[in-house]
Protein backbone atom coordinates (compact mmCIF):
# COMPACT_ATOMS: atom_id res chain seq x y z
CA MET A 1 11.21 14.58 48.81
CA ASP A 2 8.91 16.73 50.90
CA LEU A 3 5.17 16.09 50.46
CA ASN A 4 3.20 18.76 48.72
CA LYS A 5 6.22 20.55 47.35
CA GLU A 6 5.32 23.54 45.20
CA ILE A 7 6.52 23.20 41.62
CA LYS A 8 8.48 26.20 40.48
CA LYS A 9 10.63 24.92 37.64
CA VAL A 10 10.29 21.94 35.28
CA LEU A 11 12.72 20.43 32.79
CA PHE A 12 10.71 18.88 29.95
CA GLY A 13 12.30 16.44 27.45
CA VAL A 14 10.49 15.49 24.24
CA LEU A 15 11.24 12.65 21.83
CA ASN A 16 11.76 13.52 18.16
CA TRP A 17 10.00 10.64 16.37
CA GLY A 18 7.67 12.33 13.97
CA LEU A 19 5.82 15.28 15.53
CA GLY A 20 3.41 13.32 17.73
CA HIS A 21 5.38 13.65 20.93
CA ALA A 22 5.92 17.35 20.41
CA THR A 23 2.23 18.08 19.74
CA ARG A 24 0.97 16.04 22.66
CA SER A 25 3.53 17.62 25.00
CA THR A 26 2.44 21.13 23.96
CA PRO A 27 -0.77 21.27 26.07
CA LEU A 28 1.09 19.93 29.11
CA ILE A 29 3.83 22.55 28.73
CA GLN A 30 1.22 25.28 28.22
CA TYR A 31 -0.69 24.10 31.29
CA LEU A 32 2.46 24.37 33.44
CA LEU A 33 3.17 27.83 32.08
CA ASN A 34 -0.40 28.95 32.74
CA LYS A 35 0.05 27.89 36.38
CA GLY A 36 3.10 30.16 36.67
CA ILE A 37 5.66 27.36 36.48
CA GLU A 38 8.94 28.03 34.65
CA VAL A 39 9.66 25.41 31.95
CA GLU A 40 12.78 24.62 29.98
CA ILE A 41 12.53 22.23 27.02
CA ALA A 42 14.98 19.75 25.54
CA SER A 43 14.62 17.95 22.22
CA ASP A 44 16.14 17.69 18.73
CA GLY A 45 15.27 17.79 15.05
CA LEU A 46 11.76 18.59 13.84
CA ALA A 47 10.28 18.29 17.35
CA LEU A 48 12.72 20.92 18.62
CA ALA A 49 11.94 23.22 15.66
CA TYR A 50 8.20 22.84 16.25
CA LEU A 51 8.44 23.57 19.99
CA GLU A 52 10.73 26.54 19.48
CA LYS A 53 8.04 28.11 17.28
CA GLU A 54 5.25 27.27 19.73
CA PHE A 55 7.16 28.62 22.74
CA PRO A 56 9.61 31.26 21.36
CA THR A 57 10.34 32.82 24.77
CA LEU A 58 11.40 29.64 26.55
CA THR A 59 14.90 28.27 27.09
CA PHE A 60 15.76 25.24 24.92
CA HIS A 61 18.42 22.55 25.12
CA LYS A 62 19.47 20.49 22.08
CA LEU A 63 19.76 16.75 22.64
CA ARG A 64 21.42 14.09 20.59
CA GLY A 65 18.88 12.58 18.18
CA TYR A 66 17.93 8.90 18.23
CA ASP A 67 18.19 9.04 14.43
CA ILE A 68 16.32 5.79 13.94
CA GLN A 69 15.92 4.79 10.30
CA TYR A 70 13.06 2.63 8.99
CA SER A 71 13.37 0.00 6.30
CA THR A 72 11.67 0.25 2.92
CA ASN A 73 10.78 -3.44 3.38
CA LYS A 74 8.28 -3.99 6.22
CA ASN A 75 9.49 -7.58 6.74
CA LEU A 76 12.99 -6.32 7.52
CA LEU A 77 11.93 -3.46 9.81
CA SER A 78 12.24 -5.37 13.10
CA LEU A 79 15.72 -6.58 12.12
CA LYS A 80 16.80 -3.10 11.06
CA LEU A 81 15.56 -1.61 14.33
CA LEU A 82 17.33 -4.33 16.28
CA CYS A 83 20.58 -3.47 14.53
CA GLN A 84 20.21 0.15 15.63
CA ILE A 85 19.95 -0.70 19.36
CA PRO A 86 23.63 0.23 19.98
CA LYS A 87 23.02 3.65 18.43
CA LEU A 88 19.89 4.03 20.55
CA LYS A 89 21.75 3.14 23.74
CA THR A 90 24.45 5.71 22.89
CA ALA A 91 21.79 8.42 22.47
CA ILE A 92 20.20 7.47 25.77
CA GLU A 93 23.53 7.69 27.59
CA SER A 94 24.09 11.05 25.92
CA GLU A 95 20.72 12.26 27.29
CA LYS A 96 21.71 11.26 30.82
CA GLN A 97 24.94 13.26 30.49
CA LYS A 98 23.08 16.26 29.07
CA VAL A 99 20.59 16.24 31.97
CA GLN A 100 23.46 16.29 34.44
CA GLU A 101 25.05 19.25 32.60
CA ILE A 102 21.74 21.14 32.71
CA LEU A 103 21.23 20.39 36.39
CA TYR A 104 24.75 21.52 37.22
CA ASN A 105 23.83 25.04 36.12
CA THR A 106 20.15 25.22 37.11
CA ASN A 107 17.92 23.79 39.83
CA PHE A 108 14.67 22.05 38.86
CA ASP A 109 11.88 20.64 40.99
CA LEU A 110 10.70 18.07 38.46
CA ILE A 111 11.81 16.40 35.24
CA LEU A 112 9.19 15.26 32.71
CA SER A 113 10.26 13.05 29.82
CA ASP A 114 8.01 12.25 26.87
CA ASN A 115 9.48 8.89 25.80
CA ARG A 116 13.15 9.87 26.17
CA TYR A 117 14.49 7.07 28.31
CA GLY A 118 17.73 8.73 29.34
CA PHE A 119 16.10 12.04 30.23
CA ARG A 120 16.01 11.62 34.02
CA SER A 121 18.04 12.18 37.16
CA ALA A 122 18.70 10.31 40.40
CA THR A 123 18.57 13.59 42.32
CA VAL A 124 15.42 15.19 40.86
CA LYS A 125 12.07 13.39 40.68
CA SER A 126 11.70 12.18 37.10
CA LEU A 127 8.41 11.08 35.47
CA LEU A 128 8.14 9.32 32.15
CA ILE A 129 5.22 10.19 29.85
CA SER A 130 4.36 7.19 27.69
CA HIS A 131 1.50 5.11 26.42
CA GLN A 132 3.78 2.42 25.01
CA LEU A 133 4.87 0.51 28.09
CA LYS A 134 5.34 -2.68 26.16
CA LEU A 135 6.06 -3.44 22.54
CA ILE A 136 4.24 -5.82 20.21
CA THR A 137 7.15 -7.64 18.66
CA PRO A 138 7.87 -10.84 16.72
CA ILE A 139 8.69 -13.82 18.94
CA LEU A 140 12.39 -13.53 18.15
CA PHE A 141 12.50 -10.04 19.69
CA LYS A 142 10.48 -10.62 22.89
CA GLY A 143 13.55 -9.76 24.98
CA VAL A 144 13.24 -6.14 23.89
CA ASN A 145 10.42 -5.64 26.40
CA SER A 146 12.72 -6.61 29.28
CA VAL A 147 15.16 -3.91 28.12
CA LEU A 148 12.32 -1.39 27.81
CA SER A 149 11.03 -2.24 31.28
CA ASN A 150 14.50 -1.75 32.78
CA TYR A 151 14.65 1.77 31.37
CA GLN A 152 11.14 2.52 32.67
CA LYS A 153 12.08 1.33 36.16
CA GLU A 154 14.67 4.07 36.38
CA PHE A 155 11.88 6.70 36.51
CA ASP A 156 10.01 7.46 39.70
CA SER A 157 6.67 6.90 37.99
CA ILE A 158 4.95 6.89 34.59
CA LEU A 159 2.22 9.20 33.33
CA VAL A 160 0.01 7.37 30.79
CA PRO A 161 -1.96 9.63 28.43
CA ASP A 162 -5.03 7.43 28.29
CA PHE A 163 -8.18 6.51 30.14
CA GLN A 164 -7.89 4.20 33.14
CA ASP A 165 -11.22 2.57 32.26
CA LYS A 166 -10.32 -0.49 30.09
CA LYS A 167 -13.56 -0.09 28.11
CA LYS A 168 -12.53 3.42 27.03
CA LYS A 169 -8.79 2.90 26.61
CA LEU A 170 -7.30 4.02 23.30
CA SER A 171 -3.92 2.30 23.75
CA GLY A 172 -5.30 -1.16 24.58
CA GLU A 173 -2.73 -3.57 25.90
CA LEU A 174 0.21 -1.26 25.02
CA SER A 175 -0.15 0.60 28.33
CA GLU A 176 -0.36 -2.45 30.59
CA THR A 177 2.34 -2.38 33.25
CA ASN A 178 3.09 -3.41 36.82
CA LEU A 179 5.31 -0.39 37.39
CA PRO A 180 4.10 2.69 39.31
CA HIS A 181 1.91 4.75 36.99
CA HIS A 182 -0.96 7.24 36.72
CA PHE A 183 -3.47 7.61 33.90
CA ILE A 184 -3.80 11.28 32.91
CA ASN A 185 -6.48 10.80 30.19
CA PRO A 186 -5.93 11.36 26.46
CA ILE A 187 -4.27 14.62 25.42
CA SER A 188 -4.72 16.61 22.27
CA VAL A 189 -3.51 20.01 21.20
CA PHE A 190 -6.50 20.62 18.92
CA SER A 191 -9.75 22.44 19.37
CA VAL A 192 -11.70 22.56 16.12
CA ASP A 193 -14.33 25.05 15.01
CA ASN A 194 -17.10 22.94 13.50
CA ASP A 195 -18.94 26.03 12.20
CA VAL A 196 -16.22 26.81 9.64
CA LYS A 197 -17.10 26.09 5.99
CA LYS A 198 -15.63 22.71 5.02
CA ASP A 199 -14.04 23.42 1.67
CA ILE A 200 -11.30 20.77 1.82
CA ASP A 201 -12.39 17.27 0.82
CA TYR A 202 -9.23 15.47 2.03
CA LEU A 203 -6.51 16.73 4.35
CA ILE A 204 -3.37 14.55 4.20
CA VAL A 205 -1.20 14.90 7.31
CA LEU A 206 2.15 13.06 7.16
CA SER A 207 4.79 12.54 9.80
CA GLY A 208 7.20 9.94 11.10
CA PRO A 209 10.66 8.53 10.31
CA GLU A 210 12.10 8.22 6.81
CA PRO A 211 12.04 6.63 4.34
CA GLN A 212 8.46 5.59 4.97
CA ARG A 213 7.12 9.14 5.23
CA THR A 214 8.40 9.92 1.74
CA LEU A 215 7.22 6.59 0.32
CA LEU A 216 3.66 7.28 1.50
CA GLU A 217 3.84 10.85 0.26
CA LYS A 218 4.76 9.69 -3.26
CA LYS A 219 2.09 6.97 -3.27
CA LEU A 220 -0.71 9.34 -2.24
CA ILE A 221 0.32 11.97 -4.77
CA GLU A 222 0.19 9.33 -7.53
CA LEU A 223 -3.43 8.36 -6.71
CA LYS A 224 -5.96 10.02 -8.97
CA PRO A 225 -9.50 10.47 -7.59
CA ARG A 226 -12.26 9.64 -10.09
CA ASN A 227 -14.16 12.79 -9.17
CA PRO A 228 -12.83 16.34 -8.72
CA VAL A 229 -11.87 16.90 -5.08
CA LYS A 230 -9.82 19.45 -3.17
CA ILE A 231 -6.85 17.77 -1.44
CA VAL A 232 -4.40 19.54 0.84
CA LEU A 233 -1.08 17.93 1.82
CA VAL A 234 0.76 18.73 5.05
CA ARG A 235 4.11 16.99 4.53
CA GLY A 236 5.43 17.10 8.11
CA SER A 237 8.91 17.59 6.75
CA GLU A 238 11.37 20.31 5.87
CA LEU A 239 13.13 18.15 3.29
CA PRO A 240 13.14 19.51 -0.28
CA PHE A 241 9.93 18.74 -2.13
CA SER A 242 10.51 17.73 -5.72
CA GLN A 243 7.22 15.96 -6.53
CA LYS A 244 5.09 17.40 -9.31
CA THR A 245 1.59 17.89 -7.96
CA LYS A 246 -1.36 20.22 -8.21
CA LEU A 247 -2.17 19.69 -4.54
CA GLU A 248 -2.01 22.60 -2.12
CA THR A 249 1.13 21.69 -0.19
CA HIS A 250 2.58 22.74 3.17
CA ASN A 251 5.82 21.55 4.69
CA LEU A 252 5.73 22.02 8.47
CA VAL A 253 2.78 23.87 9.99
CA GLN A 254 2.18 25.03 13.57
CA GLN A 255 -0.81 24.22 15.72
CA LYS A 256 -3.08 27.14 14.80
CA GLU A 257 -2.60 26.70 11.05
CA LEU A 258 -3.17 22.95 11.26
CA GLU A 259 -6.30 23.55 13.39
CA SER A 260 -7.63 25.82 10.68
CA LEU A 261 -6.97 23.25 7.95
CA ILE A 262 -8.63 20.49 9.98
CA SER A 263 -11.66 22.65 10.71
CA ARG A 264 -12.10 23.13 6.95
CA SER A 265 -11.69 19.42 6.13
CA LYS A 266 -14.36 16.78 5.54
CA LYS A 267 -11.93 13.83 5.87
CA MET A 268 -8.32 13.21 6.88
CA ILE A 269 -5.69 10.78 5.61
CA CYS A 270 -2.91 10.03 8.11
CA ARG A 271 -0.82 7.46 9.92
CA SER A 272 -2.23 5.61 12.93
CA GLY A 273 0.30 6.74 15.56
CA TYR A 274 -0.99 7.05 19.09
CA THR A 275 -0.95 10.85 19.23
CA THR A 276 -3.02 10.86 16.04
CA ILE A 277 -5.47 8.42 17.61
CA MET A 278 -5.85 10.76 20.59
CA ASP A 279 -6.35 13.75 18.30
CA LEU A 280 -9.01 11.90 16.29
CA TYR A 281 -10.84 10.99 19.50
CA PHE A 282 -11.39 14.73 20.09
CA LEU A 283 -11.72 15.79 16.48
CA GLN A 284 -14.26 13.12 15.52
CA ILE A 285 -13.35 13.65 11.86
CA PRO A 286 -13.75 10.71 9.43
CA SER A 287 -10.27 9.45 8.66
CA ILE A 288 -8.36 7.02 6.46
CA LEU A 289 -5.62 5.46 8.56
CA ILE A 290 -2.47 4.01 6.95
CA PRO A 291 -0.14 2.27 9.46
CA THR A 292 3.57 2.57 8.83
CA PRO A 293 4.53 -0.81 7.28
CA GLY A 294 6.09 -3.09 9.86
CA GLN A 295 5.53 -0.70 12.77
CA THR A 296 3.58 -3.08 14.99
CA GLU A 297 2.26 -0.37 17.33
CA GLN A 298 0.54 1.51 14.51
CA GLU A 299 -0.77 -1.72 13.01
CA TYR A 300 -2.18 -2.75 16.36
CA LEU A 301 -3.82 0.64 17.02
CA ALA A 302 -5.33 0.68 13.53
CA GLU A 303 -6.76 -2.82 14.00
CA GLN A 304 -8.56 -1.66 17.16
CA LEU A 305 -10.37 0.98 15.09
CA ILE A 306 -11.47 -1.24 12.16
CA PRO A 307 -14.95 -1.87 13.68
CA ASN A 308 -15.49 1.88 13.94
CA SER A 309 -17.27 3.01 10.75
CA ASN A 310 -15.82 6.49 11.18
CA TYR A 311 -12.42 5.10 10.09
CA LEU A 312 -11.10 3.30 7.04
CA VAL A 313 -7.90 1.34 7.57
CA ARG A 314 -5.71 0.54 4.57
CA LYS A 315 -2.27 -0.98 4.25
CA GLN A 316 0.24 1.20 2.41
CA ASN A 317 0.86 -1.37 -0.33
CA GLN A 318 -2.89 -1.74 -0.94
CA LEU A 319 -3.71 1.92 -1.52
CA THR A 320 -5.78 2.70 -4.58
CA SER A 321 -7.80 5.65 -5.76
CA GLU A 322 -10.86 3.86 -4.35
CA ILE A 323 -10.11 5.38 -0.96
CA PHE A 324 -11.53 8.63 -2.31
CA ASP A 325 -14.89 6.86 -2.84
CA TRP A 326 -15.24 5.90 0.84
CA ILE A 327 -18.39 7.13 2.54
CA PRO A 328 -17.96 7.29 6.34
CA LYS A 329 -20.48 7.25 9.12
CA ILE A 330 -21.97 10.70 9.71
CA VAL A 331 -20.79 12.21 13.02
CA HIS A 332 -23.28 14.28 14.97
CA LYS A 333 -22.05 17.03 17.30
CA LYS A 334 -23.98 15.50 20.18
CA ASN A 335 -21.55 12.54 20.06
CA LEU A 336 -18.49 14.70 20.53
CA PRO A 337 -16.52 14.12 23.77
CA ASN A 338 -16.73 16.70 26.54
CA LEU A 339 -13.72 18.89 25.72
CA ASP A 340 -14.07 20.84 28.95
CA ASN A 341 -12.95 17.76 30.88
CA TYR A 342 -9.90 17.55 28.65
CA GLN A 343 -8.90 21.17 28.58
CA ASP A 344 -8.42 21.63 32.33
CA LEU A 345 -5.99 18.65 32.43
CA LYS A 346 -7.18 17.87 35.93
CA ALA A 347 -5.99 14.29 35.71
CA PHE A 348 -2.46 15.54 34.95
CA GLU A 349 -2.56 17.87 37.99
CA ASN A 350 -3.91 15.02 40.18
CA ALA A 351 -1.09 12.75 39.10
CA LEU A 352 1.47 15.37 40.08
CA LEU A 353 -0.30 15.79 43.42
CA LEU A 354 -0.01 12.06 44.03
CA GLU A 355 3.71 12.38 43.29
CA GLY A 356 4.00 15.00 46.02
CA PHE A 357 3.64 18.26 44.08
CA VAL A 358 1.19 21.13 44.22
CA MET A 359 0.70 24.00 41.80
CA PRO A 360 2.05 27.45 42.73
CA ALA A 361 -0.24 29.61 44.80
CA SER A 362 -2.08 32.08 42.56
């Protein structure tokens, strides 16, 4: 590949595993578009629906879903995921084939893949976007990391959405790797107006694979606060909602609507997925974090935040109405991170430059 090649067209693949990958890819896609670069997007399921609403004028490609199902029993989750590896491999091979079909009809300068391991090409430079370069697994499943590494090696390089400075890293040991990589700093789609009146006591934001999303939804709805509070639920799902509740409820909301809800909220209740952790870094909103049972990544990320008095970490099977009595540390605006450094995504552009690309001339 020629050095300093101008990027004109990018093929961007996004994993559908909750909405985290879609929301964190959104600012990267918007950044490319703002630079005059043409972008086509490929995904499936809720992530595809979300991105189609965010970017209604772009060209989209539907991929085969990974369709990973979680167990209702956290102790059986690793085994259940292991049993689904053949299905996962089939989906990855399907991605490879789909990329070749897309490339047959259209030329691209660069392929970006947010955690889709088959979304790459041997003829077009392909970069993987991922913070999870190794898995925290039970001893019996340590071999999974070798498989994961083999998939990662097939990409030209990896873009890690985190700080390079180990003292500031949000992903901890998850992003440790010996493969070629660049740190592009944390990414968040949100920019919150702190001057808005905060009339929501608790904003519940759910996402992630079933059945655990629904199990947490039911459990939270059943909890009864001792004092009157306003609670708003964002389900993160388009599945039918049959629960009886007095809560203000939304199914799937887009960025601007969710920004508005967050701006009005005093506290959040959510999972501890990595995209959420990045969002909370910028939002600085007191939050109750509930790791998905058995999902070791979320459990690990939540454990890293236990010493931070701005967060309360609770296991799903230990939830009680006492969470509504939690008093967090008060956050002062002077402690907020410098959002200007985030919004220009300079680290992302520098990583592309190191990979031999320059932005189009203005």
